[in-house]
Amino acid sequence: MIGFKNPEGYQDPTPYMAIMAAEGKTRPPFMPLVYICSPYRSDPEANMERTRKFCRFALDHGQIPLAATLMFPQFMDDRNPAERELAIFMDIVLMGKCHEVWILGDVISEGMAEEIDRAKKRRQRVRYFNSAFQEVEVL
């Protein structure tokens, strides 16, 4: 039986999911919740579309994506300072429930910087991805 982790102990869902699919099973036994940290305010429509694609990327890599930027703007006004502050607070609460924090994009917005700072203080694993969804190292 092939496991969900590679020989080094890191999550490697691709071989596992391929074998599960061949056996007619489609769901792995564990899918970690990852917080998707992405820009919103600079260009809401384009940023939400890119975030949706990044969520699909995370799902395709065995993760359960949680993107507050896709959820809260549905019923909150980012231009209202009190609602924006409340939304960022709720973002940080939800982020605390996640296994990792995935950062999307080549530019870190003010809101993203606040979330990243909090994740690092919590010692959550933070991973950075460029706009082509390639993981990058940040010094």
Protein backbone atom coordinates (compact mmCIF):
# COMPACT_ATOMS: atom_id res chain seq x y z
CA MET A 1 0.00 0.00 0.00
CA ILE A 2 1.38 3.38 -0.95
CA GLY A 3 1.11 6.06 1.71
CA PHE A 4 0.09 9.70 1.57
CA LYS A 5 3.65 10.73 2.43
CA ASN A 6 6.85 10.21 0.48
CA PRO A 7 9.85 8.29 1.89
CA GLU A 8 11.21 11.49 3.47
CA GLY A 9 7.96 11.96 5.40
CA TYR A 10 6.60 14.91 3.40
CA GLN A 11 3.05 14.96 2.06
CA ASP A 12 3.03 13.74 -1.52
CA PRO A 13 -0.58 13.19 -2.51
CA THR A 14 -0.05 12.69 -6.26
CA PRO A 15 1.04 9.01 -6.26
CA TYR A 16 -1.44 8.21 -3.52
CA MET A 17 -4.34 9.83 -5.34
CA ALA A 18 -3.37 8.11 -8.62
CA ILE A 19 -3.53 4.70 -6.98
CA MET A 20 -6.75 5.56 -5.16
CA ALA A 21 -8.30 6.65 -8.46
CA ALA A 22 -7.18 3.43 -10.12
CA GLU A 23 -8.89 1.51 -7.31
CA GLY A 24 -12.06 3.57 -7.74
CA LYS A 25 -11.51 5.61 -4.59
CA THR A 26 -11.30 9.37 -4.98
CA ARG A 27 -10.79 10.86 -1.54
CA PRO A 28 -7.60 10.68 0.51
CA PRO A 29 -7.92 9.86 4.22
CA PHE A 30 -6.56 13.26 5.26
CA MET A 31 -6.61 16.61 3.50
CA PRO A 32 -5.05 19.50 5.44
CA LEU A 33 -6.80 22.85 5.61
CA VAL A 34 -4.64 25.62 4.13
CA TYR A 35 -5.30 29.33 4.43
CA ILE A 36 -5.06 31.15 1.10
CA CYS A 37 -3.58 34.61 1.66
CA SER A 38 -4.02 36.74 -1.44
CA PRO A 39 -4.55 40.37 -2.41
CA TYR A 40 -8.04 41.76 -2.72
CA ARG A 41 -8.40 45.55 -2.54
CA SER A 42 -6.14 46.62 -5.46
CA ASP A 43 -8.31 44.91 -8.12
CA PRO A 44 -11.14 42.92 -6.52
CA GLU A 45 -12.46 41.15 -9.63
CA ALA A 46 -9.08 40.08 -11.03
CA ASN A 47 -7.77 39.17 -7.59
CA MET A 48 -10.81 37.05 -6.78
CA GLU A 49 -10.49 35.21 -10.10
CA ARG A 50 -6.81 34.49 -9.46
CA THR A 51 -7.63 33.37 -5.90
CA ARG A 52 -10.30 30.97 -7.23
CA LYS A 53 -7.71 29.43 -9.56
CA PHE A 54 -5.19 29.20 -6.71
CA CYS A 55 -7.80 27.45 -4.56
CA ARG A 56 -8.26 24.93 -7.36
CA PHE A 57 -4.47 24.51 -7.49
CA ALA A 58 -4.42 23.81 -3.73
CA LEU A 59 -7.29 21.32 -4.05
CA ASP A 60 -5.51 19.55 -6.91
CA HIS A 61 -2.53 19.21 -4.58
CA GLY A 62 -4.49 17.49 -1.82
CA GLN A 63 -5.33 20.53 0.30
CA ILE A 64 -8.63 22.01 1.46
CA PRO A 65 -8.31 25.72 0.58
CA LEU A 66 -9.82 28.40 2.80
CA ALA A 67 -9.85 31.80 1.10
CA ALA A 68 -11.50 34.51 3.18
CA THR A 69 -11.11 36.97 0.29
CA LEU A 70 -13.65 34.89 -1.62
CA MET A 71 -16.04 34.65 1.29
CA PHE A 72 -16.27 37.89 3.28
CA PRO A 73 -16.62 40.35 0.35
CA GLN A 74 -19.90 38.57 -0.45
CA PHE A 75 -21.53 40.27 2.54
CA MET A 76 -19.03 42.82 3.88
CA ASP A 77 -17.82 46.16 2.48
CA ASP A 78 -14.02 46.34 2.28
CA ARG A 79 -14.27 50.14 1.80
CA ASN A 80 -15.85 50.52 5.24
CA PRO A 81 -12.91 50.74 7.72
CA ALA A 82 -14.84 49.08 10.56
CA GLU A 83 -15.95 46.18 8.36
CA ARG A 84 -12.44 45.81 6.90
CA GLU A 85 -10.96 45.62 10.40
CA LEU A 86 -13.58 43.04 11.42
CA ALA A 87 -12.92 41.00 8.25
CA ILE A 88 -9.16 40.93 8.92
CA PHE A 89 -9.85 39.84 12.50
CA MET A 90 -12.06 37.00 11.20
CA ASP A 91 -9.41 36.12 8.59
CA ILE A 92 -6.85 35.69 11.36
CA VAL A 93 -9.23 33.56 13.45
CA LEU A 94 -9.86 31.25 10.50
CA MET A 95 -6.16 31.18 9.59
CA GLY A 96 -5.45 29.81 13.07
CA LYS A 97 -7.47 26.70 12.21
CA CYS A 98 -5.28 25.94 9.19
CA HIS A 99 -2.33 23.60 8.83
CA GLU A 100 -0.38 26.00 6.58
CA VAL A 101 -0.65 29.49 5.12
CA TRP A 102 -0.15 29.80 1.36
CA ILE A 103 0.74 33.26 0.06
CA LEU A 104 -0.27 34.08 -3.52
CA GLY A 105 1.33 36.69 -5.71
CA ASP A 106 4.39 38.79 -6.24
CA VAL A 107 3.13 41.73 -4.17
CA ILE A 108 2.25 41.62 -0.48
CA SER A 109 -0.64 43.95 0.36
CA GLU A 110 -1.12 45.65 3.74
CA GLY A 111 -3.77 43.11 4.77
CA MET A 112 -1.63 40.19 3.63
CA ALA A 113 1.34 41.53 5.59
CA GLU A 114 -0.78 41.57 8.74
CA GLU A 115 -1.88 37.98 8.17
CA ILE A 116 1.67 36.81 7.40
CA ASP A 117 2.99 38.50 10.54
CA ARG A 118 0.36 36.76 12.67
CA ALA A 119 1.02 33.38 11.03
CA LYS A 120 4.74 33.70 11.74
CA LYS A 121 4.06 34.66 15.36
CA ARG A 122 1.94 31.51 15.66
CA ARG A 123 4.75 29.53 14.03
CA GLN A 124 2.46 28.36 11.25
CA ARG A 125 4.22 27.15 8.12
CA VAL A 126 4.07 29.90 5.50
CA ARG A 127 4.64 29.04 1.84
CA TYR A 128 4.98 31.58 -0.97
CA PHE A 129 3.75 31.10 -4.54
CA ASN A 130 4.20 33.46 -7.48
CA SER A 131 1.38 34.42 -9.85
CA ALA A 132 2.13 31.27 -11.92
CA PHE A 133 1.50 29.14 -8.77
CA GLN A 134 5.15 28.12 -8.53
CA GLU A 135 6.51 27.92 -5.01
CA VAL A 136 9.26 30.46 -4.38
CA GLU A 137 11.75 31.01 -1.61
CA VAL A 138 11.50 34.26 0.32
CA LEU A 139 14.53 35.45 2.21
